[in-house]
């Protein structure tokens, strides 16, 4: 019968060295691949490193129309759908073009004195092109000079702005007359836009 305890394979030393050398090369290659993967994830999350800062101020009129449906679980709980006309008092400047005016449509949940808003805005620039932005945020009271803050991002653009990526944050106020004033700041990445591609 074969006794495993007595079996001792004889591996020449140079084969063992070659084997260990091959393993170290494979480990180094895997580390490089992981490094490349981390870099690509970093680039996807934070852009290409060619980010351009933008900022502007926006005033949106009292909503018209506005629709409200009460949720019958407790007083003051409602869902709202509203449309506002907006004007840029200080425009965003993107590749030399400036935002002029737009239309904002929002879906809002009113709950316990706070408005939780999700909205879309289509803005016209001074060169005739359009940008669509989306936003999510809160208004900390239902009416009257209530503070608001949230996040915004570019969804799409027309013409040379197709492929635009970017976004940022906003702060502002819901005024006593139900107008909305916002200060926006953020960045955009021009590398994927049609106007920047060679």
Protein backbone atom coordinates (compact mmCIF):
# COMPACT_ATOMS: atom_id res chain seq x y z
CA UNK A 1 0.00 0.00 0.00
CA UNK A 2 1.16 3.54 -0.78
CA UNK A 3 2.10 5.50 2.36
CA UNK A 4 1.50 9.22 1.85
CA UNK A 5 3.64 10.12 4.87
CA UNK A 6 6.70 8.62 3.19
CA UNK A 7 6.11 10.38 -0.14
CA UNK A 8 8.25 13.51 -0.44
CA UNK A 9 8.34 14.98 -3.92
CA UNK A 10 11.70 16.32 -4.97
CA UNK A 11 11.36 19.72 -6.70
CA UNK A 12 14.58 21.17 -8.01
CA UNK A 13 15.39 24.56 -6.50
CA UNK A 14 15.47 26.39 -9.87
CA UNK A 15 11.85 25.29 -10.60
CA UNK A 16 10.77 26.61 -7.20
CA UNK A 17 12.48 29.96 -7.88
CA UNK A 18 10.81 30.20 -11.32
CA UNK A 19 7.44 29.37 -9.78
CA UNK A 20 7.78 32.07 -7.10
CA UNK A 21 8.98 34.58 -9.74
CA UNK A 22 5.91 33.86 -11.93
CA UNK A 23 3.58 34.36 -8.94
CA UNK A 24 5.20 37.72 -8.11
CA UNK A 25 4.75 38.88 -11.75
CA UNK A 26 1.06 37.89 -11.66
CA UNK A 27 0.54 39.70 -8.33
CA UNK A 28 2.19 42.86 -9.72
CA UNK A 29 -0.03 42.75 -12.83
CA UNK A 30 -3.14 42.36 -10.67
CA UNK A 31 -2.09 45.35 -8.52
CA UNK A 32 -1.66 47.45 -11.69
CA UNK A 33 -5.12 46.39 -12.92
CA UNK A 34 -6.64 47.34 -9.55
CA UNK A 35 -4.88 50.71 -9.75
CA UNK A 36 -6.30 51.33 -13.23
CA UNK A 37 -9.76 50.29 -12.03
CA UNK A 38 -9.54 52.72 -9.11
CA UNK A 39 -8.45 55.53 -11.44
CA UNK A 40 -11.34 54.85 -13.84
CA UNK A 41 -13.84 54.81 -10.96
CA UNK A 42 -12.35 58.06 -9.64
CA UNK A 43 -12.62 59.66 -13.08
CA UNK A 44 -16.24 58.51 -13.43
CA UNK A 45 -17.14 59.92 -10.03
CA UNK A 46 -15.27 63.19 -10.20
CA UNK A 47 -14.95 63.90 -13.89
CA UNK A 48 -11.88 64.03 -16.03
CA UNK A 49 -10.01 66.72 -14.14
CA UNK A 50 -11.09 69.36 -16.71
CA UNK A 51 -14.00 70.60 -14.61
CA UNK A 52 -15.11 74.20 -15.12
CA UNK A 53 -16.71 76.12 -12.23
CA UNK A 54 -20.05 77.85 -12.77
CA UNK A 55 -22.33 79.96 -10.63
CA UNK A 56 -25.45 82.03 -11.05
CA UNK A 57 -28.61 83.49 -9.52
CA UNK A 58 -32.12 82.51 -10.57
CA UNK A 59 -35.56 83.99 -9.82
CA UNK A 60 -38.67 81.91 -10.49
CA UNK A 61 -42.15 83.50 -10.38
CA UNK A 62 -45.08 82.33 -8.30
CA UNK A 63 -46.17 78.90 -9.63
CA UNK A 64 -48.87 78.89 -12.31
CA UNK A 65 -50.52 76.46 -12.60
CA UNK A 66 -50.22 74.59 -9.31
CA UNK A 67 -52.15 71.44 -8.40
CA UNK A 68 -52.48 69.94 -4.94
CA UNK A 69 -53.87 66.60 -3.79
CA UNK A 70 -54.23 65.89 -0.08
CA UNK A 71 -52.92 62.60 1.29
CA UNK A 72 -55.60 61.47 3.80
CA UNK A 73 -53.23 59.97 6.37
CA UNK A 74 -52.76 63.15 8.47
CA UNK A 75 -53.44 66.91 8.24
CA UNK A 76 -51.12 68.94 6.02
CA UNK A 77 -49.79 66.01 3.98
CA UNK A 78 -50.15 66.71 0.25
CA UNK A 79 -48.57 66.19 -3.15
CA UNK A 80 -48.07 69.24 -5.39
CA UNK A 81 -47.37 69.69 -9.08
CA UNK A 82 -46.30 73.18 -10.18
CA UNK A 83 -44.86 75.13 -13.10
CA UNK A 84 -42.85 78.37 -12.83
CA UNK A 85 -41.35 80.85 -15.28
CA UNK A 86 -37.75 81.67 -14.35
CA UNK A 87 -35.17 84.34 -15.21
CA UNK A 88 -31.44 84.31 -14.56
CA UNK A 89 -30.51 87.54 -12.74
CA UNK A 90 -26.87 86.37 -12.89
CA UNK A 91 -26.48 83.77 -15.66
CA UNK A 92 -24.51 80.55 -15.71
CA UNK A 93 -21.79 80.94 -18.35
CA UNK A 94 -21.07 77.71 -20.25
CA UNK A 95 -18.58 77.72 -23.12
CA UNK A 96 -19.21 81.46 -23.55
CA UNK A 97 -23.03 81.16 -23.69
CA UNK A 98 -25.22 82.58 -20.92
CA UNK A 99 -28.47 81.24 -19.47
CA UNK A 100 -31.36 83.69 -19.98
CA UNK A 101 -34.73 82.28 -18.95
CA UNK A 102 -36.49 79.00 -18.49
CA UNK A 103 -39.43 76.95 -17.28
CA UNK A 104 -39.29 74.89 -14.08
CA UNK A 105 -41.69 72.02 -13.33
CA UNK A 106 -41.62 70.48 -9.86
CA UNK A 107 -43.19 67.59 -8.00
CA UNK A 108 -43.31 68.32 -4.27
CA UNK A 109 -44.37 66.49 -1.14
CA UNK A 110 -45.67 68.79 1.60
CA UNK A 111 -45.24 67.11 4.96
CA UNK A 112 -45.07 68.48 8.51
CA UNK A 113 -44.31 72.03 7.41
CA UNK A 114 -41.50 71.09 5.00
CA UNK A 115 -41.61 70.90 1.21
CA UNK A 116 -39.56 68.06 -0.36
CA UNK A 117 -39.13 69.01 -4.02
CA UNK A 118 -37.92 67.20 -7.12
CA UNK A 119 -37.84 69.38 -10.21
CA UNK A 120 -36.76 69.85 -13.81
CA UNK A 121 -35.84 73.11 -15.49
CA UNK A 122 -35.36 73.78 -19.19
CA UNK A 123 -33.32 76.93 -19.78
CA UNK A 124 -32.70 78.85 -22.99
CA UNK A 125 -29.22 80.31 -23.53
CA UNK A 126 -28.41 83.55 -25.36
CA UNK A 127 -27.25 81.53 -28.41
CA UNK A 128 -30.66 79.80 -28.71
CA UNK A 129 -29.55 76.39 -27.38
CA UNK A 130 -31.25 74.72 -24.40
CA UNK A 131 -30.11 73.00 -21.21
CA UNK A 132 -32.16 70.69 -19.00
CA UNK A 133 -31.32 70.52 -15.31
CA UNK A 134 -32.83 68.45 -12.53
CA UNK A 135 -32.90 69.28 -8.82
CA UNK A 136 -33.75 67.77 -5.47
CA UNK A 137 -34.09 69.76 -2.27
CA UNK A 138 -36.13 71.06 0.62
CA UNK A 139 -37.98 74.23 1.52
CA UNK A 140 -38.01 74.42 5.32
CA UNK A 141 -41.49 76.01 5.64
CA UNK A 142 -44.62 76.10 3.52
CA UNK A 143 -44.63 79.86 2.92
CA UNK A 144 -43.09 83.25 3.66
CA UNK A 145 -39.31 83.80 3.35
CA UNK A 146 -38.49 80.16 4.02
CA UNK A 147 -34.94 78.92 3.35
CA UNK A 148 -34.37 76.31 0.67
CA UNK A 149 -31.34 74.22 -0.31
CA UNK A 150 -30.53 71.20 -2.41
CA UNK A 151 -28.57 69.69 -5.31
CA UNK A 152 -28.83 70.15 -9.07
CA UNK A 153 -27.33 68.44 -12.11
CA UNK A 154 -27.26 68.82 -15.88
CA UNK A 155 -29.34 66.18 -17.67
CA UNK A 156 -28.90 67.15 -21.32
CA UNK A 157 -28.28 69.96 -23.74
CA UNK A 158 -28.92 70.77 -27.38
CA UNK A 159 -26.44 71.61 -30.13
CA UNK A 160 -22.88 71.98 -28.89
CA UNK A 161 -24.05 71.31 -25.32
CA UNK A 162 -25.10 67.71 -26.05
CA UNK A 163 -23.35 65.34 -23.66
CA UNK A 164 -22.94 67.94 -20.89
CA UNK A 165 -22.24 66.51 -17.44
CA UNK A 166 -21.98 68.32 -14.14
CA UNK A 167 -23.90 69.74 -11.22
CA UNK A 168 -23.64 71.30 -7.81
CA UNK A 169 -25.66 72.78 -4.96
CA UNK A 170 -28.11 75.61 -4.47
CA UNK A 171 -29.42 77.74 -1.62
CA UNK A 172 -32.15 80.32 -1.61
CA UNK A 173 -35.51 81.46 -0.34
CA UNK A 174 -39.19 80.92 -0.95
CA UNK A 175 -40.37 84.53 -0.78
CA UNK A 176 -43.59 85.81 0.83
CA UNK A 177 -45.18 86.16 -2.65
CA UNK A 178 -44.32 82.48 -3.43
CA UNK A 179 -41.51 83.49 -5.83
CA UNK A 180 -38.33 81.47 -5.52
CA UNK A 181 -34.80 82.94 -5.52
CA UNK A 182 -31.80 80.63 -5.80
CA UNK A 183 -28.00 80.91 -5.81
CA UNK A 184 -26.41 78.03 -7.70
CA UNK A 185 -22.82 76.90 -7.82
CA UNK A 186 -21.18 73.87 -9.30
CA UNK A 187 -19.06 72.51 -12.14
CA UNK A 188 -19.40 71.03 -15.61
CA UNK A 189 -17.14 68.71 -17.60
CA UNK A 190 -16.75 69.95 -21.19
CA UNK A 191 -14.88 66.90 -22.50
CA UNK A 192 -17.98 64.92 -23.54
CA UNK A 193 -19.83 67.87 -25.07
CA UNK A 194 -20.23 68.03 -28.85
CA UNK A 195 -18.74 71.53 -28.92
CA UNK A 196 -15.49 70.31 -27.34
CA UNK A 197 -14.97 67.13 -29.35
CA UNK A 198 -12.44 67.38 -32.16
